[in-house]
N, C-alpha and C. Protein backbone atom coordinates (compact mmCIF):
# COMPACT_ATOMS: atom_id res chain seq x y z
N MET A 1 -20.83 78.28 97.41
CA MET A 1 -22.20 78.21 96.99
C MET A 1 -22.43 79.30 95.95
N MET A 2 -23.15 78.94 94.90
CA MET A 2 -23.44 79.88 93.84
C MET A 2 -24.82 80.50 94.10
N VAL A 3 -24.88 81.82 94.18
CA VAL A 3 -26.14 82.50 94.41
C VAL A 3 -26.28 83.59 93.36
N ARG A 4 -27.42 83.60 92.70
CA ARG A 4 -27.69 84.65 91.72
C ARG A 4 -28.41 85.79 92.41
N GLU A 5 -27.85 86.98 92.31
CA GLU A 5 -28.47 88.16 92.90
C GLU A 5 -29.52 88.71 91.95
N SER A 6 -30.60 89.18 92.48
CA SER A 6 -31.65 89.80 91.68
C SER A 6 -31.19 91.19 91.25
N THR A 7 -31.49 91.55 90.01
CA THR A 7 -31.17 92.89 89.53
C THR A 7 -32.39 93.80 89.58
N ASP A 8 -33.52 93.27 90.04
CA ASP A 8 -34.75 94.05 90.13
C ASP A 8 -34.78 94.77 91.47
N HIS A 9 -34.33 96.03 91.46
CA HIS A 9 -34.27 96.79 92.71
C HIS A 9 -35.59 97.47 93.04
N SER A 10 -36.60 97.30 92.17
CA SER A 10 -37.91 97.88 92.44
C SER A 10 -38.79 96.93 93.24
N SER A 11 -38.30 95.74 93.52
CA SER A 11 -39.08 94.74 94.26
C SER A 11 -39.36 95.22 95.68
N PRO A 12 -40.59 95.02 96.17
CA PRO A 12 -40.91 95.45 97.54
C PRO A 12 -40.39 94.48 98.59
N LEU A 13 -39.79 93.39 98.19
CA LEU A 13 -39.29 92.41 99.16
C LEU A 13 -37.96 92.85 99.75
N ALA A 14 -37.79 92.60 101.02
CA ALA A 14 -36.53 92.89 101.69
C ALA A 14 -35.78 91.58 101.85
N ILE A 15 -35.03 91.20 100.81
CA ILE A 15 -34.30 89.93 100.83
C ILE A 15 -32.92 90.16 101.43
N GLN A 16 -32.59 89.36 102.42
CA GLN A 16 -31.27 89.45 103.03
C GLN A 16 -30.62 88.08 102.98
N ARG A 17 -29.47 88.01 102.30
CA ARG A 17 -28.69 86.78 102.25
C ARG A 17 -27.59 86.91 103.30
N HIS A 18 -27.47 85.90 104.11
CA HIS A 18 -26.52 85.94 105.21
C HIS A 18 -25.33 85.03 104.91
N SER A 19 -24.17 85.46 105.33
CA SER A 19 -22.96 84.67 105.08
C SER A 19 -23.00 83.34 105.84
N ALA A 20 -23.90 83.20 106.78
CA ALA A 20 -24.02 81.96 107.54
C ALA A 20 -24.81 80.90 106.78
N GLY A 21 -25.18 81.19 105.51
CA GLY A 21 -25.79 80.16 104.68
C GLY A 21 -27.31 80.09 104.72
N TYR A 22 -27.95 81.20 104.97
CA TYR A 22 -29.40 81.23 104.92
C TYR A 22 -29.85 82.59 104.41
N ALA A 23 -31.12 82.71 104.09
CA ALA A 23 -31.68 83.98 103.64
C ALA A 23 -32.99 84.24 104.34
N THR A 24 -33.31 85.51 104.52
CA THR A 24 -34.60 85.89 105.08
C THR A 24 -35.25 86.90 104.14
N VAL A 25 -36.56 86.82 104.07
CA VAL A 25 -37.35 87.77 103.30
C VAL A 25 -38.46 88.24 104.21
N THR A 26 -38.65 89.54 104.28
CA THR A 26 -39.73 90.12 105.07
C THR A 26 -40.60 90.94 104.13
N ARG A 27 -41.92 90.72 104.22
CA ARG A 27 -42.84 91.53 103.42
C ARG A 27 -44.18 91.62 104.13
N THR A 28 -44.89 92.67 103.80
CA THR A 28 -46.20 92.88 104.39
C THR A 28 -47.26 92.33 103.46
N ARG A 29 -48.12 91.50 104.01
CA ARG A 29 -49.24 90.93 103.26
C ARG A 29 -50.47 91.01 104.13
N ARG A 30 -51.49 91.66 103.61
CA ARG A 30 -52.76 91.79 104.33
C ARG A 30 -52.57 92.30 105.76
N LEU A 31 -51.83 93.36 105.87
CA LEU A 31 -51.61 94.06 107.15
C LEU A 31 -50.72 93.33 108.13
N MET A 32 -50.13 92.21 107.71
CA MET A 32 -49.23 91.48 108.61
C MET A 32 -47.85 91.38 107.95
N GLU A 33 -46.85 91.55 108.76
CA GLU A 33 -45.49 91.38 108.26
C GLU A 33 -45.15 89.89 108.33
N GLN A 34 -44.83 89.31 107.18
CA GLN A 34 -44.48 87.89 107.12
C GLN A 34 -42.99 87.75 106.88
N VAL A 35 -42.43 86.72 107.47
CA VAL A 35 -41.01 86.42 107.32
C VAL A 35 -40.88 85.04 106.71
N ALA A 36 -39.98 84.91 105.74
CA ALA A 36 -39.62 83.61 105.18
C ALA A 36 -38.15 83.38 105.50
N LEU A 37 -37.86 82.23 106.04
CA LEU A 37 -36.50 81.83 106.39
C LEU A 37 -36.14 80.63 105.52
N SER A 38 -35.09 80.76 104.72
CA SER A 38 -34.73 79.70 103.77
C SER A 38 -33.30 79.26 103.94
N THR A 39 -33.07 78.00 103.65
CA THR A 39 -31.71 77.45 103.63
C THR A 39 -31.58 76.58 102.39
N PRO A 40 -30.40 76.57 101.76
CA PRO A 40 -30.25 75.81 100.52
C PRO A 40 -30.07 74.32 100.76
N ILE A 41 -30.52 73.54 99.78
CA ILE A 41 -30.21 72.12 99.71
C ILE A 41 -29.12 72.02 98.64
N LEU A 42 -27.93 71.66 99.06
CA LEU A 42 -26.78 71.68 98.17
C LEU A 42 -26.49 70.31 97.58
N LEU A 43 -26.02 70.31 96.36
CA LEU A 43 -25.50 69.13 95.70
C LEU A 43 -24.13 69.52 95.20
N GLY A 44 -23.12 69.18 95.97
CA GLY A 44 -21.77 69.67 95.68
C GLY A 44 -21.75 71.17 95.93
N ASP A 45 -21.35 71.92 94.91
CA ASP A 45 -21.31 73.38 95.07
C ASP A 45 -22.52 74.05 94.41
N ARG A 46 -23.51 73.24 94.02
CA ARG A 46 -24.72 73.77 93.37
C ARG A 46 -25.90 73.74 94.33
N VAL A 47 -26.79 74.70 94.15
CA VAL A 47 -28.02 74.72 94.92
C VAL A 47 -29.05 73.88 94.17
N LEU A 48 -29.47 72.80 94.78
CA LEU A 48 -30.44 71.89 94.19
C LEU A 48 -31.86 72.41 94.41
N ALA A 49 -32.12 72.93 95.60
CA ALA A 49 -33.43 73.44 95.98
C ALA A 49 -33.25 74.25 97.26
N SER A 50 -34.34 74.66 97.84
CA SER A 50 -34.26 75.33 99.14
C SER A 50 -35.44 74.90 100.00
N LEU A 51 -35.24 74.98 101.29
CA LEU A 51 -36.30 74.73 102.28
C LEU A 51 -36.65 76.07 102.91
N THR A 52 -37.93 76.32 103.03
CA THR A 52 -38.39 77.60 103.58
C THR A 52 -39.48 77.38 104.61
N VAL A 53 -39.41 78.14 105.67
CA VAL A 53 -40.50 78.19 106.64
C VAL A 53 -40.94 79.65 106.70
N ARG A 54 -42.28 79.83 106.71
CA ARG A 54 -42.84 81.18 106.78
C ARG A 54 -43.59 81.36 108.08
N PHE A 55 -43.51 82.58 108.62
CA PHE A 55 -44.23 82.87 109.85
C PHE A 55 -44.55 84.36 109.91
N VAL A 56 -45.53 84.68 110.73
CA VAL A 56 -45.93 86.07 110.93
C VAL A 56 -45.01 86.67 112.00
N ALA A 57 -44.42 87.80 111.69
CA ALA A 57 -43.42 88.40 112.58
C ALA A 57 -43.98 88.78 113.94
N SER A 58 -45.25 89.14 114.02
CA SER A 58 -45.81 89.50 115.33
C SER A 58 -45.98 88.26 116.23
N ALA A 59 -46.11 87.09 115.62
CA ALA A 59 -46.24 85.86 116.41
C ALA A 59 -44.88 85.26 116.74
N VAL A 60 -43.97 85.33 115.79
CA VAL A 60 -42.62 84.79 115.97
C VAL A 60 -41.63 85.83 115.45
N PRO A 61 -41.02 86.61 116.33
CA PRO A 61 -40.03 87.58 115.87
C PRO A 61 -38.86 86.88 115.16
N LEU A 62 -38.19 87.61 114.28
CA LEU A 62 -37.13 87.01 113.47
C LEU A 62 -36.08 86.31 114.33
N LYS A 63 -35.63 86.93 115.38
CA LYS A 63 -34.60 86.31 116.24
C LYS A 63 -35.10 84.97 116.80
N SER A 64 -36.34 84.94 117.26
CA SER A 64 -36.90 83.69 117.77
C SER A 64 -37.06 82.66 116.67
N GLY A 65 -37.47 83.11 115.49
CA GLY A 65 -37.60 82.20 114.35
C GLY A 65 -36.27 81.57 113.98
N LEU A 66 -35.21 82.38 114.00
CA LEU A 66 -33.88 81.83 113.72
C LEU A 66 -33.50 80.78 114.75
N GLU A 67 -33.75 81.09 116.02
CA GLU A 67 -33.41 80.14 117.09
C GLU A 67 -34.23 78.86 116.99
N ARG A 68 -35.51 78.97 116.64
CA ARG A 68 -36.40 77.82 116.61
C ARG A 68 -36.25 76.97 115.36
N PHE A 69 -36.02 77.60 114.21
CA PHE A 69 -36.15 76.87 112.95
C PHE A 69 -34.85 76.64 112.17
N LEU A 70 -33.85 77.50 112.32
CA LEU A 70 -32.69 77.43 111.43
C LEU A 70 -31.94 76.10 111.54
N ALA A 71 -31.64 75.66 112.73
CA ALA A 71 -30.89 74.40 112.90
C ALA A 71 -31.67 73.22 112.32
N LYS A 72 -32.99 73.21 112.54
CA LYS A 72 -33.82 72.13 112.01
C LYS A 72 -33.86 72.17 110.48
N LEU A 73 -33.97 73.36 109.90
CA LEU A 73 -33.94 73.48 108.44
C LEU A 73 -32.62 72.97 107.88
N ARG A 74 -31.54 73.34 108.52
CA ARG A 74 -30.21 72.91 108.04
C ARG A 74 -30.06 71.39 108.12
N ARG A 75 -30.50 70.79 109.23
CA ARG A 75 -30.40 69.33 109.36
C ARG A 75 -31.23 68.64 108.28
N CYS A 76 -32.42 69.13 108.06
CA CYS A 76 -33.30 68.54 107.05
C CYS A 76 -32.69 68.71 105.66
N ALA A 77 -32.16 69.88 105.36
CA ALA A 77 -31.52 70.12 104.06
C ALA A 77 -30.32 69.19 103.86
N ALA A 78 -29.54 68.97 104.91
CA ALA A 78 -28.39 68.07 104.82
C ALA A 78 -28.84 66.64 104.56
N LYS A 79 -29.91 66.20 105.22
CA LYS A 79 -30.43 64.85 105.01
C LYS A 79 -30.93 64.67 103.58
N ILE A 80 -31.64 65.67 103.07
CA ILE A 80 -32.13 65.60 101.70
C ILE A 80 -30.97 65.55 100.73
N SER A 81 -29.97 66.38 100.95
CA SER A 81 -28.79 66.41 100.08
C SER A 81 -28.08 65.06 100.07
N THR A 82 -27.88 64.49 101.26
CA THR A 82 -27.22 63.18 101.37
C THR A 82 -28.03 62.10 100.67
N SER A 83 -29.32 62.08 100.91
CA SER A 83 -30.19 61.09 100.29
C SER A 83 -30.19 61.22 98.77
N PHE A 84 -30.27 62.44 98.28
CA PHE A 84 -30.26 62.66 96.84
C PHE A 84 -28.93 62.23 96.23
N SER A 85 -27.83 62.57 96.89
CA SER A 85 -26.50 62.17 96.41
C SER A 85 -26.36 60.66 96.35
N GLU A 86 -26.87 59.97 97.39
CA GLU A 86 -26.81 58.50 97.41
C GLU A 86 -27.63 57.91 96.28
N GLN A 87 -28.82 58.46 96.04
CA GLN A 87 -29.66 57.97 94.96
C GLN A 87 -29.00 58.20 93.60
N GLN A 88 -28.35 59.35 93.46
CA GLN A 88 -27.67 59.65 92.20
C GLN A 88 -26.51 58.67 91.97
N SER A 89 -25.73 58.40 93.01
CA SER A 89 -24.58 57.50 92.85
C SER A 89 -25.04 56.07 92.60
N GLU A 90 -26.15 55.66 93.22
CA GLU A 90 -26.68 54.31 92.99
C GLU A 90 -27.18 54.15 91.56
N SER A 91 -27.72 55.20 90.99
CA SER A 91 -28.24 55.10 89.62
C SER A 91 -27.12 54.98 88.60
N TYR A 92 -25.89 55.34 88.98
CA TYR A 92 -24.76 55.23 88.07
C TYR A 92 -23.94 53.97 88.28
N LYS A 93 -24.31 53.14 89.26
CA LYS A 93 -23.57 51.90 89.49
C LYS A 93 -23.90 50.90 88.38
N LEU A 94 -22.89 50.18 87.96
CA LEU A 94 -23.10 49.13 86.96
C LEU A 94 -23.58 47.87 87.63
N PRO A 95 -24.43 47.12 86.97
CA PRO A 95 -24.87 45.83 87.54
C PRO A 95 -23.68 44.89 87.74
N ASP A 96 -23.84 43.93 88.64
CA ASP A 96 -22.77 42.94 88.88
C ASP A 96 -22.42 42.22 87.58
N GLY A 97 -21.13 42.04 87.36
CA GLY A 97 -20.67 41.32 86.18
C GLY A 97 -20.50 42.19 84.94
N VAL A 98 -20.89 43.44 85.00
CA VAL A 98 -20.73 44.34 83.86
C VAL A 98 -19.48 45.18 84.08
N ALA A 99 -18.58 45.14 83.14
CA ALA A 99 -17.32 45.87 83.25
C ALA A 99 -17.46 47.23 82.60
N ALA A 100 -16.83 48.22 83.22
CA ALA A 100 -16.83 49.56 82.64
C ALA A 100 -15.88 49.59 81.45
N THR A 101 -16.27 50.28 80.42
CA THR A 101 -15.40 50.42 79.24
C THR A 101 -14.71 51.76 79.29
N PRO A 102 -13.43 51.78 78.92
CA PRO A 102 -12.68 53.03 78.99
C PRO A 102 -13.13 54.04 77.95
């Protein structure tokens, strides 16, 4: 998977990319610590998009959020990737009776 690292080290966000294929961001907004949990939607070895769920850390601690949401995010990302791949391959199919030219 190709991931571009940010070179802006002055950012107040605590972005953590995990080798298990997801990322978390924690930041304080309006006196509450918010967590974003993201997983990539892959197309081959490229990141097509990402799915993210956000929650307030005091309501759902990070460990609980990982247990509750990560597997569901991954399944949904896989379904989107498969569906997109199928749509892409169907758009490149030639109509019946049309021969491909070399």
